[in-house]
Amino acid sequence: MSELARKFPAGLKPLDTRLAVEVLDWVCALRTVWNEAGLSINRFARLHRFIDKGTVWRYLNGERVPRDSWFLDRVLAARTENGKPVTPDVREHLTGLQLRALQVRHPHEYRVRLISDELEIAQTGKQEAERYARTLEEKLAERNRQVQEITDDKGRLRAAWDADRAATQADYERLTREIGEITGQLHLARERAARAERRCLQLERLLDHLDARSAGGENPAAGHLGAGGEFERAQLTTARGTEFGWITSVGPGFQITAPSRTICRFLDLSYEELDGSYLLADPLRGRLQETLGNFGEWVLMIGMFAQNALDGWRSDPDYPECEGKVTDFFDWLSRYVSENYKDVADQVESTPAVLVDGDSSRNDLRQCLAAAAGDAQWPPYNFMRHNTLRMHVAHHRLLSGEVARFAKVARPFYKGSRLIGYEITWKPEDADAVANRMMNSVLAELGIVSGNSA
């Protein structure tokens, strides 16, 4: 690597071989692009007056790693103007080298960069949701106008009503139905925009916290983002990673955040649909009901988790906002078990005597079924006994008559002694070959090489 560094660009001193490997990789790649762009440090500093020559020297010698993407973007733009554009894959590779070097060289600035990028994504999602809501509002106004016109026409054309009744009634019913659908979509769009706004505020507070800590200089102790910082880091890592999973809070309704792109593709749900939704409600509940061959087993276990969390939820300030979802879930669960009792009971009796984690048993599910049917009390939840759920995917576009057997594992996060959430990960149950094949297919669809990070 040091031999490569000596060749480009002219006038730069050889790289210090004591630099970390990640920094050496980044600076060698940066020097190559810089040389191909035909840049000089003096000219670059004159063109961009808010950066001085000394800073550019330190970037090119590995003494500093730029935190933001601005410097790399300007160098790549100069390379394009020089007749040598780069492909999106090369740009992504260079960005990855910069982030790894930044993490090693300036850990605090690396955390600020990750959260800033996440804030930008959340802000974009918020703007898209708001634009979509405005479009729906316009459609709703137009449909209401059309309904009003038809209502007026009904009065004016009363004499000809018999001849036109069927067509007019059909139009009226169609428009009324569309109004209901658009109103529902508008409600969801507004909820999504509100979730995006709350996420933006959360990320802005986190950035303010990091900026306040950096005022005293960077130090190793700044690696902790306060109590619960591991949970916040896990959200960023999960959303950007390739694991099949998400982060679930233990607050009212079990809110889902930071779903990975792999689980979104696997479930055929967008990030915006899944992020900020609830474990007890659609879209996840409905999608799993369509997909799982053992949905009854899954929903009974979720019912037990929710029932045991109710006392804590009722004392949570956020519970009123979610109370309707919780009530709707238990009402729905009662109806579902009543209408599908034989199928659910058959699923329970077909489970192994000892379930995935080797501690919970078929008897736990029998008690949950009796409780959901209103014939018994819900059994107590114990994380050590119930941290793993069987997820048997039977209906999916990537399957052809097979069943992919997964286990959903929960890793807890604490704030002090208080449990605040779980990292949820889907893994093939007992190295199930069909599940492994499905996961590899999803990785291939996303252009991710199996076993490697994106």
Protein backbone atom coordinates (compact mmCIF):
# COMPACT_ATOMS: atom_id res chain seq x y z
CA MET A 1 0.00 0.00 0.00
CA SER A 2 2.88 2.38 0.77
CA GLU A 3 4.29 1.73 -2.74
CA LEU A 4 0.98 2.81 -4.28
CA ALA A 5 0.95 5.94 -2.12
CA ARG A 6 4.34 7.03 -3.46
CA LYS A 7 3.12 7.14 -7.06
CA PHE A 8 0.37 9.75 -6.78
CA PRO A 9 -0.21 12.61 -6.84
CA ALA A 10 3.04 14.47 -7.45
CA GLY A 11 4.17 16.70 -4.60
CA LEU A 12 2.49 14.73 -1.80
CA LYS A 13 4.63 13.13 0.84
CA PRO A 14 4.51 9.35 1.32
CA LEU A 15 1.82 8.16 3.73
CA ASP A 16 2.74 7.40 7.31
CA THR A 17 2.77 3.60 7.51
CA ARG A 18 1.65 3.86 11.15
CA LEU A 19 -1.79 4.97 9.98
CA ALA A 20 -4.59 2.50 10.62
CA VAL A 21 -5.32 0.13 7.74
CA GLU A 22 -8.78 1.67 7.23
CA VAL A 23 -7.27 5.15 6.96
CA LEU A 24 -4.55 3.96 4.55
CA ASP A 25 -7.17 2.30 2.32
CA TRP A 26 -9.25 5.49 2.24
CA VAL A 27 -6.37 7.90 1.59
CA CYS A 28 -4.87 5.73 -1.18
CA ALA A 29 -8.26 5.62 -2.93
CA LEU A 30 -8.74 9.38 -2.40
CA ARG A 31 -5.30 10.15 -3.81
CA THR A 32 -6.07 8.04 -6.90
CA VAL A 33 -9.33 9.94 -7.57
CA TRP A 34 -7.62 13.28 -6.83
CA ASN A 35 -4.86 12.51 -9.34
CA GLU A 36 -7.36 11.39 -12.01
CA ALA A 37 -9.33 14.61 -11.49
CA GLY A 38 -6.23 16.63 -12.39
CA LEU A 39 -6.53 18.75 -9.25
CA SER A 40 -3.97 20.83 -7.41
CA ILE A 41 -4.30 21.83 -3.79
CA ASN A 42 -3.86 25.55 -4.50
CA ARG A 43 -6.51 25.58 -7.25
CA PHE A 44 -8.98 23.55 -5.18
CA ALA A 45 -8.61 25.94 -2.22
CA ARG A 46 -9.11 28.98 -4.49
CA LEU A 47 -12.25 27.48 -6.04
CA HIS A 48 -13.69 26.58 -2.64
CA ARG A 49 -12.79 29.50 -0.40
CA PHE A 50 -14.34 28.03 2.74
CA ILE A 51 -11.65 25.30 2.89
CA ASP A 52 -7.97 26.15 3.30
CA LYS A 53 -4.94 24.45 1.76
CA GLY A 54 -3.82 23.06 5.10
CA THR A 55 -7.10 21.17 5.55
CA VAL A 56 -6.82 19.69 2.04
CA TRP A 57 -3.21 18.62 2.81
CA ARG A 58 -4.34 16.90 6.00
CA TYR A 59 -7.14 15.07 4.13
CA LEU A 60 -4.71 13.82 1.45
CA ASN A 61 -2.10 12.75 4.02
CA GLY A 62 -4.52 10.91 6.29
CA GLU A 63 -4.03 13.28 9.23
CA ARG A 64 -7.75 14.10 9.07
CA VAL A 65 -10.74 12.29 7.58
CA PRO A 66 -13.58 14.55 6.34
CA ARG A 67 -16.78 13.93 8.27
CA ASP A 68 -19.26 14.88 5.55
CA SER A 69 -19.59 13.79 1.92
CA TRP A 70 -18.91 17.31 0.58
CA PHE A 71 -15.17 16.90 -0.06
CA LEU A 72 -15.52 13.52 -1.82
CA ASP A 73 -18.45 14.86 -3.89
CA ARG A 74 -16.39 17.84 -5.11
CA VAL A 75 -13.39 15.65 -6.02
CA LEU A 76 -15.61 13.21 -7.93
CA ALA A 77 -17.32 16.12 -9.71
CA ALA A 78 -13.90 17.43 -10.79
CA ARG A 79 -12.99 13.93 -12.02
CA THR A 80 -16.22 13.84 -14.10
CA GLU A 81 -15.43 17.27 -15.57
CA ASN A 82 -12.03 15.83 -16.50
CA GLY A 83 -13.81 13.21 -18.63
CA LYS A 84 -13.59 10.35 -16.11
CA PRO A 85 -16.97 9.88 -14.40
CA VAL A 86 -17.37 7.15 -11.76
CA THR A 87 -20.12 4.53 -11.54
CA PRO A 88 -22.58 4.43 -8.61
CA ASP A 89 -20.82 1.27 -7.35
CA VAL A 90 -17.45 3.08 -7.24
CA ARG A 91 -19.01 6.05 -5.43
CA GLU A 92 -20.60 3.69 -2.88
CA HIS A 93 -17.25 1.90 -2.41
CA LEU A 94 -15.43 5.21 -1.80
CA THR A 95 -18.12 6.31 0.66
CA GLY A 96 -17.74 3.02 2.54
CA LEU A 97 -13.94 3.51 2.74
CA GLN A 98 -14.45 7.05 4.08
CA LEU A 99 -16.92 5.92 6.76
CA ARG A 100 -14.66 3.09 7.96
CA ALA A 101 -11.69 5.47 8.10
CA LEU A 102 -13.80 8.10 9.93
CA GLN A 103 -14.94 5.49 12.47
CA VAL A 104 -11.32 4.59 13.28
CA ARG A 105 -9.81 8.09 13.12
CA HIS A 106 -12.61 10.22 14.59
CA PRO A 107 -15.20 8.00 16.35
CA HIS A 108 -17.30 10.90 17.60
CA GLU A 109 -17.56 12.52 14.16
CA TYR A 110 -18.41 9.09 12.74
CA ARG A 111 -21.42 8.87 15.10
CA VAL A 112 -22.49 12.39 14.12
CA ARG A 113 -22.21 11.44 10.42
CA LEU A 114 -24.38 8.32 10.87
CA ILE A 115 -27.07 10.22 12.72
CA SER A 116 -26.92 13.13 10.24
CA ASP A 117 -27.41 10.69 7.35
CA GLU A 118 -30.31 9.06 9.21
CA LEU A 119 -31.84 12.50 9.81
CA GLU A 120 -31.58 13.28 6.09
CA ILE A 121 -33.35 10.00 5.25
CA ALA A 122 -36.07 10.71 7.83
CA GLN A 123 -36.52 14.27 6.53
CA THR A 124 -36.90 12.98 2.97
CA GLY A 125 -39.46 10.44 4.14
CA LYS A 126 -41.37 13.17 5.95
CA GLN A 127 -41.45 15.38 2.85
CA GLU A 128 -42.63 12.49 0.67
CA ALA A 129 -45.37 11.61 3.15
CA GLU A 130 -46.51 15.25 3.28
CA ARG A 131 -46.59 15.49 -0.53
CA TYR A 132 -48.60 12.28 -0.69
CA ALA A 133 -51.02 13.60 1.95
CA ARG A 134 -51.54 16.80 -0.09
CA THR A 135 -52.26 14.73 -3.21
CA LEU A 136 -54.81 12.68 -1.30
CA GLU A 137 -56.42 15.83 0.08
CA GLU A 138 -56.85 17.12 -3.48
CA LYS A 139 -58.35 13.80 -4.58
CA LEU A 140 -60.69 13.82 -1.60
CA ALA A 141 -61.86 17.36 -2.40
CA GLU A 142 -62.48 16.37 -6.03
CA ARG A 143 -64.49 13.28 -5.04
CA ASN A 144 -66.55 15.31 -2.58
CA ARG A 145 -67.22 17.86 -5.34
CA GLN A 146 -68.36 15.09 -7.69
CA VAL A 147 -70.63 13.61 -5.03
CA GLN A 148 -72.16 17.05 -4.46
CA GLU A 149 -72.77 17.41 -8.20
CA ILE A 150 -74.48 14.01 -8.31
CA THR A 151 -76.57 14.92 -5.26
CA ASP A 152 -77.65 18.15 -7.00
CA ASP A 153 -78.36 16.25 -10.20
CA LYS A 154 -80.59 13.84 -8.30
CA GLY A 155 -82.84 16.73 -7.33
CA ARG A 156 -82.89 18.34 -10.79
CA LEU A 157 -83.42 15.06 -12.62
CA ARG A 158 -86.02 13.55 -10.35
CA ALA A 159 -88.42 13.19 -13.27
CA ALA A 160 -85.92 11.08 -15.23
CA TRP A 161 -84.79 9.12 -12.19
CA ASP A 162 -86.21 5.77 -13.28
CA ALA A 163 -84.21 5.73 -16.52
CA ASP A 164 -80.93 6.88 -15.01
CA ARG A 165 -81.25 5.37 -11.56
CA ALA A 166 -79.02 2.35 -12.02
CA ALA A 167 -76.10 4.26 -13.60
CA THR A 168 -76.37 7.21 -11.23
CA GLN A 169 -76.58 4.99 -8.16
CA ALA A 170 -73.57 2.99 -9.32
CA ASP A 171 -71.55 6.21 -9.77
CA TYR A 172 -72.67 7.44 -6.38
CA GLU A 173 -71.70 4.19 -4.66
CA ARG A 174 -68.35 4.06 -6.49
CA LEU A 175 -67.46 7.60 -5.50
CA THR A 176 -68.60 7.03 -1.93
CA ARG A 177 -66.40 3.93 -1.77
CA GLU A 178 -63.44 5.83 -3.22
CA ILE A 179 -63.94 8.58 -0.65
CA GLY A 180 -63.76 5.99 2.12
CA GLU A 181 -60.59 4.46 0.65
CA ILE A 182 -58.90 7.82 0.07
CA THR A 183 -59.87 8.98 3.57
CA GLY A 184 -58.24 5.86 5.02
CA GLN A 185 -55.12 6.39 2.89
CA LEU A 186 -55.00 10.04 3.95
CA HIS A 187 -55.19 9.03 7.62
CA LEU A 188 -52.29 6.60 7.12
CA ALA A 189 -50.29 9.23 5.19
CA ARG A 190 -50.78 11.76 7.99
CA GLU A 191 -49.73 9.17 10.57
CA ARG A 192 -46.63 8.40 8.51
CA ALA A 193 -45.77 12.10 8.25
CA ALA A 194 -46.25 12.48 12.02
CA ARG A 195 -44.01 9.46 12.69
CA ALA A 196 -41.36 10.90 10.37
CA GLU A 197 -41.56 14.26 12.18
CA ARG A 198 -41.16 12.54 15.57
CA ARG A 199 -38.17 10.61 14.20
CA CYS A 200 -36.61 13.85 12.89
CA LEU A 201 -37.04 15.49 16.31
CA GLN A 202 -35.50 12.45 18.03
CA LEU A 203 -32.48 12.51 15.71
CA GLU A 204 -32.08 16.28 16.09
CA ARG A 205 -32.07 15.91 19.89
CA LEU A 206 -29.45 13.17 19.57
CA LEU A 207 -27.29 15.39 17.35
CA ASP A 208 -27.62 18.26 19.84
CA HIS A 209 -26.53 15.83 22.58
CA LEU A 210 -23.49 14.78 20.57
CA ASP A 211 -22.61 18.38 19.68
CA ALA A 212 -22.78 19.33 23.36
CA ARG A 213 -20.46 16.46 24.28
CA SER A 214 -17.98 17.39 21.52
CA ALA A 215 -17.60 20.93 22.88
CA GLY A 216 -15.13 19.61 25.43
CA GLY A 217 -13.13 17.68 22.84
CA GLU A 218 -13.29 14.10 21.64
CA ASN A 219 -12.45 11.40 24.15
CA PRO A 220 -13.00 7.64 24.40
CA ALA A 221 -15.61 8.06 27.10
CA ALA A 222 -17.84 9.84 24.56
CA GLY A 223 -18.60 6.46 23.03
CA HIS A 224 -21.66 6.10 25.29
CA LEU A 225 -24.71 8.06 24.17
CA GLY A 226 -26.02 8.22 27.70
CA ALA A 227 -28.28 5.61 29.28
CA GLY A 228 -29.94 3.57 26.59
CA GLY A 229 -27.30 4.62 24.01
CA GLU A 230 -26.78 1.02 22.94
CA PHE A 231 -30.46 0.88 21.95
CA GLU A 232 -30.09 4.03 19.79
CA ARG A 233 -26.93 2.67 18.15
CA ALA A 234 -28.71 -0.60 17.46
CA GLN A 235 -31.49 1.30 15.66
CA LEU A 236 -28.96 2.93 13.34
CA THR A 237 -27.04 -0.31 12.78
CA THR A 238 -30.16 -2.39 12.12
CA ALA A 239 -31.70 0.09 9.67
CA ARG A 240 -28.45 0.20 7.67
CA GLY A 241 -27.47 -3.46 8.02
CA THR A 242 -28.33 -6.65 6.18
CA GLU A 243 -29.72 -8.70 9.08
CA PHE A 244 -33.37 -9.75 8.68
CA GLY A 245 -34.98 -7.89 11.56
CA TRP A 246 -35.95 -4.67 13.31
CA ILE A 247 -35.96 -2.98 16.73
CA THR A 248 -39.06 -3.30 18.94
CA SER A 249 -39.72 -1.06 21.93
CA VAL A 250 -41.51 -2.46 24.97
CA GLY A 251 -43.63 0.69 25.20
CA PRO A 252 -47.37 0.68 24.46
CA GLY A 253 -48.22 -1.48 21.46
CA PHE A 254 -44.66 -2.75 20.86
CA GLN A 255 -43.64 -0.12 18.30
CA ILE A 256 -41.40 -1.29 15.45
CA THR A 257 -38.51 0.96 14.37
CA ALA A 258 -35.45 0.73 12.13
CA PRO A 259 -36.48 -2.27 9.99
CA SER A 260 -33.63 -3.48 7.78
CA ARG A 261 -34.03 -3.27 4.02
CA THR A 262 -33.74 -7.06 3.87
CA ILE A 263 -36.75 -7.69 6.15
CA CYS A 264 -38.72 -5.01 4.25
CA ARG A 265 -38.06 -6.78 0.95
CA PHE A 266 -38.73 -10.20 2.51
CA LEU A 267 -42.12 -9.03 3.83
CA ASP A 268 -42.84 -6.93 0.71
CA LEU A 269 -43.41 -3.84 2.87
CA SER A 270 -41.75 -0.45 2.43
CA TYR A 271 -39.55 1.06 5.14
CA GLU A 272 -42.15 3.82 5.59
CA GLU A 273 -44.94 1.26 6.12
CA LEU A 274 -43.04 -0.76 8.73
CA ASP A 275 -41.03 1.90 10.58
CA GLY A 276 -43.12 3.37 13.40
CA SER A 277 -45.90 0.77 13.04
CA TYR A 278 -46.95 -1.59 15.83
CA LEU A 279 -46.47 -5.30 16.41
CA LEU A 280 -50.14 -5.60 17.41
CA ALA A 281 -51.53 -4.02 14.25
CA ASP A 282 -51.31 -3.94 10.48
CA PRO A 283 -49.35 -3.92 8.28
CA LEU A 284 -47.17 -6.54 10.02
CA ARG A 285 -49.99 -8.53 11.62
CA GLY A 286 -51.91 -8.77 8.34
CA ARG A 287 -48.80 -9.66 6.34
CA LEU A 288 -47.82 -12.44 8.77
CA GLN A 289 -51.39 -13.79 8.70
CA GLU A 290 -51.05 -14.08 4.90
CA THR A 291 -47.56 -15.58 5.07
CA LEU A 292 -47.12 -17.84 8.10
CA GLY A 293 -48.25 -21.44 8.21
CA ASN A 294 -48.20 -21.27 12.02
CA PHE A 295 -49.77 -17.81 12.42
CA GLY A 296 -52.02 -19.05 15.23
CA GLU A 297 -48.97 -20.12 17.25
CA TRP A 298 -47.28 -16.76 16.65
CA VAL A 299 -50.27 -14.59 17.55
CA LEU A 300 -50.93 -16.52 20.78
CA MET A 301 -47.39 -15.83 21.96
CA ILE A 302 -47.74 -12.13 21.02
CA GLY A 303 -51.01 -12.05 22.96
CA MET A 304 -49.19 -13.35 26.03
CA PHE A 305 -46.44 -10.70 25.67
CA ALA A 306 -49.01 -7.92 25.31
CA GLN A 307 -51.20 -9.10 28.20
CA ASN A 308 -48.21 -9.24 30.54
CA ALA A 309 -47.09 -5.74 29.45
CA LEU A 310 -50.49 -4.09 30.01
CA ASP A 311 -49.91 -2.93 33.59
CA GLY A 312 -46.70 -1.16 32.60
CA TRP A 313 -48.30 0.34 29.48
CA ARG A 314 -51.22 1.83 31.39
CA SER A 315 -48.82 3.93 33.48
CA ASP A 316 -46.89 5.10 30.38
CA PRO A 317 -47.60 8.72 29.27
CA ASP A 318 -47.79 7.51 25.64
CA TYR A 319 -50.47 4.89 26.37
CA PRO A 320 -53.52 7.06 25.49
CA GLU A 321 -52.15 7.48 21.96
CA CYS A 322 -51.93 3.71 21.54
CA GLU A 323 -54.78 2.47 23.74
CA GLY A 324 -57.11 2.00 20.77
CA LYS A 325 -54.60 -0.23 18.98
CA VAL A 326 -54.17 -2.42 22.08
CA THR A 327 -57.94 -2.74 22.59
CA ASP A 328 -58.47 -3.48 18.90
CA PHE A 329 -55.81 -6.19 19.02
CA PHE A 330 -57.38 -8.12 21.90
CA ASP A 331 -60.87 -7.74 20.37
CA TRP A 332 -59.49 -9.03 17.07
CA LEU A 333 -57.61 -11.88 18.79
CA SER A 334 -60.78 -13.03 20.54
CA ARG A 335 -62.70 -13.07 17.23
CA TYR A 336 -59.83 -14.74 15.36
CA VAL A 337 -59.54 -17.58 17.87
CA SER A 338 -63.32 -18.01 17.98
CA GLU A 339 -63.65 -18.18 14.19
CA ASN A 340 -60.55 -20.34 13.64
CA TYR A 341 -60.47 -22.34 16.86
CA LYS A 342 -59.93 -25.77 15.26
CA ASP A 343 -57.09 -24.55 13.01
CA VAL A 344 -55.36 -22.75 15.88
CA ALA A 345 -55.81 -25.73 18.23
CA ASP A 346 -54.38 -28.05 15.54
CA GLN A 347 -51.35 -25.76 15.19
CA VAL A 348 -50.83 -25.82 18.95
CA GLU A 349 -51.06 -29.62 19.12
CA SER A 350 -48.69 -30.03 16.15
CA THR A 351 -45.90 -28.06 17.87
CA PRO A 352 -43.07 -30.03 19.47
CA ALA A 353 -43.34 -30.79 23.18
CA VAL A 354 -40.38 -28.44 23.72
CA LEU A 355 -40.23 -25.36 21.48
CA VAL A 356 -37.27 -23.65 19.83
CA ASP A 357 -35.48 -22.23 22.84
CA GLY A 358 -35.61 -25.55 24.68
CA ASP A 359 -37.40 -24.09 27.69
CA SER A 360 -40.93 -23.05 26.71
CA SER A 361 -43.31 -25.87 25.80
CA ARG A 362 -46.53 -26.84 24.05
CA ASN A 363 -48.30 -26.39 27.40
CA ASP A 364 -47.51 -22.65 27.27
CA LEU A 365 -49.38 -22.42 23.96
CA ARG A 366 -52.31 -24.45 25.34
CA GLN A 367 -52.66 -21.96 28.19
CA CYS A 368 -52.46 -19.03 25.74
CA LEU A 369 -55.19 -20.57 23.57
CA ALA A 370 -57.47 -21.05 26.57
CA ALA A 371 -56.84 -17.44 27.66
CA ALA A 372 -57.55 -16.06 24.17
CA ALA A 373 -60.81 -18.04 24.14
CA GLY A 374 -61.77 -16.51 27.50
CA ASP A 375 -61.53 -19.78 29.41
CA ALA A 376 -58.38 -19.13 31.51
CA GLN A 377 -55.90 -16.51 32.69
CA TRP A 378 -52.94 -15.66 30.49
CA PRO A 379 -49.73 -17.40 31.61
CA PRO A 380 -46.90 -15.20 32.89
CA TYR A 381 -44.29 -14.07 30.39
CA ASN A 382 -40.65 -14.93 31.09
CA PHE A 383 -37.97 -13.60 28.77
CA MET A 384 -35.64 -16.53 29.48
CA ARG A 385 -38.38 -18.97 28.44
CA HIS A 386 -40.04 -17.08 25.59
CA ASN A 387 -37.33 -15.10 23.81
CA THR A 388 -37.62 -17.25 20.63
CA LEU A 389 -40.67 -17.70 18.38
CA ARG A 390 -41.13 -20.19 15.56
CA MET A 391 -41.97 -18.45 12.24
CA HIS A 392 -42.86 -20.94 9.50
CA VAL A 393 -43.30 -19.16 6.17
CA ALA A 394 -45.65 -21.18 3.95
CA HIS A 395 -47.01 -18.61 1.48
CA HIS A 396 -44.44 -16.39 -0.25
CA ARG A 397 -43.45 -15.41 -3.78
CA LEU A 398 -40.04 -17.09 -3.26
CA LEU A 399 -41.60 -20.46 -2.33
CA SER A 400 -43.09 -23.21 -4.47
CA GLY A 401 -44.92 -25.52 -2.12
CA GLU A 402 -42.17 -25.62 0.52
CA VAL A 403 -42.14 -24.27 4.09
CA ALA A 404 -39.25 -22.06 5.26
CA ARG A 405 -38.73 -22.49 8.99
CA PHE A 406 -37.41 -19.46 10.85
CA ALA A 407 -36.89 -18.65 14.52
CA LYS A 408 -37.39 -15.04 15.64
CA VAL A 409 -34.88 -14.21 18.38
CA ALA A 410 -35.18 -11.23 20.74
CA ARG A 411 -32.09 -9.58 22.30
CA PRO A 412 -33.05 -7.23 25.16
CA PHE A 413 -31.87 -3.65 25.77
CA TYR A 414 -31.94 -2.00 29.18
CA LYS A 415 -31.83 1.59 30.43
CA GLY A 416 -30.47 1.10 33.91
CA SER A 417 -32.52 -1.80 35.26
CA ARG A 418 -35.53 -1.03 33.02
CA LEU A 419 -36.14 -3.09 29.88
CA ILE A 420 -36.71 -0.66 26.97
CA GLY A 421 -36.70 -2.81 23.85
CA TYR A 422 -35.52 -5.76 21.81
CA GLU A 423 -33.39 -6.32 18.75
CA ILE A 424 -35.46 -8.78 16.70
CA THR A 425 -33.62 -11.06 14.27
CA TRP A 426 -35.01 -13.73 11.94
CA LYS A 427 -32.72 -16.79 11.72
CA PRO A 428 -33.21 -20.14 9.94
CA GLU A 429 -34.56 -22.60 12.50
CA ASP A 430 -32.00 -25.41 12.97
CA ALA A 431 -30.14 -24.19 9.82
CA ASP A 432 -33.25 -24.86 7.71
CA ALA A 433 -32.16 -25.10 4.04
CA VAL A 434 -35.32 -23.52 2.59
CA ALA A 435 -35.05 -20.54 4.96
CA ASN A 436 -31.38 -20.09 4.08
CA ARG A 437 -32.21 -20.17 0.38
CA MET A 438 -34.96 -17.56 0.81
CA MET A 439 -32.64 -15.22 2.71
CA ASN A 440 -29.94 -15.57 0.05
CA SER A 441 -32.53 -14.83 -2.67
CA VAL A 442 -33.53 -11.61 -0.90
CA LEU A 443 -29.87 -10.59 -0.54
CA ALA A 444 -29.37 -11.25 -4.27
CA GLU A 445 -32.44 -9.16 -5.16
CA LEU A 446 -30.93 -6.26 -3.22
CA GLY A 447 -27.52 -6.73 -4.85
CA ILE A 448 -25.94 -7.89 -1.59
CA VAL A 449 -23.44 -10.74 -1.63
CA SER A 450 -24.51 -13.37 0.90
CA GLY A 451 -22.49 -13.20 4.09
CA ASN A 452 -21.13 -9.71 3.46
CA SER A 453 -22.34 -6.35 4.64
CA ALA A 454 -23.69 -3.90 2.11
